[in-house]
Amino acid sequence: MRDTGWLWAVFTLIAAAAQTARNAMQRELTATLGTAGATHVRFLFGFPFAVVFLLVLTTITGATLPRPGWMFWPWVIDGMGAQIFATALMLAAMGERSFVVSIAYIKTEPVQVALFGLIFLGDALSVGMVAAIMVATTGVIVMSLKPGSGVGDSWRPTMLGLGSGAMFALSAIGYRGAILSLDLPDFVMAATFTLVVGLALQAVLLSAYLILREPKVMREIVRSWRPSVTAGFLGALASQFWFLAFALATAASVRTLALVEVLFAQAISAFVFGHRTTAREGLGIVLIIAGVAMLFWAH
């Protein structure tokens, strides 16, 4: 980890706020575009903004674009592919449960990303960080439980949410691996360049798929360009700050702090979708806050 103090935490909080807003917009777009269409909006309309971020960076700093080695490509392909599946599973989960509960299922991700980070990147964790991850993750699990519901009416959204969390974990590891493989002294360039490459691959891949398999969806995306542009911008903005955080800290640290997104989602759920916070969800929120506080203490 580079000696940049708490800058990674600032990046993570900005990313979490932008992503929560984007998730809410994508949830609404699912009704008209379907899961595949709403998933594609994030990448297709996010890519131009990522290019703008890169152009601004090169103009201000005068830096040249990096020349990635062969190790960059497996990492970035893993990151972009896992993110596509993660987003699709997330939107499918949101279609079956409340917004905040869906986010809670997905945010079991930190445990998985800690394991994947240790295996694939050698990102070691202190005892304090492990404890923080477990406490915060327990909080999202508590929030996701629904008293009185049987397995038969909850297994599908549960599996969708947990599957999405696993894919987001693999995506985080892939993108962090790609950023580190560039081995650049300028972490901003490494993060921004990786973002542009990842979104370019995603936009091309999903566009080709939808044109060939679901052309009507592509036409609907064009018709819904106004909300799609906003969702794309928020997605690119969130990803930019996620990538900056990944360049500075372990993926496990970033994704654990990102659990504050559940708190943002709770606020949106209450004020936009009219869902009330239960006592159980309140307990989960307390545990999440405690876990995040422990993470700061561990660092």
Foldseek 3Di string as FASTA:
>chain_A
DDPPPCLLLVLLVLLLLLVLVLVVLLLVVCVPQNLLLSLLLQLQLQLVVLVVVLVVVCVVPVDDAFDFDPQLVVLLVLLLVLLSLLSSLLSVLVVQDPQLLLVLLLLLLLVLLQVCCCVPVVADDDPLLVVLSVLLNVLSVLLNDDPPDDCVSPVSSNVSNNSSSNSNSSNLNSLLSSLVSSVDPPSLSSLSSSLNVSSVVSNVVSVVVCVVPPVVSVVSCVVVVPSSNSSNNSSNSSSSSSSSSSPPHRSSLSSLSSSCSSVVNVVCCCPPVNDDQDPSNVSSVVSSVVSNVSSVVSD
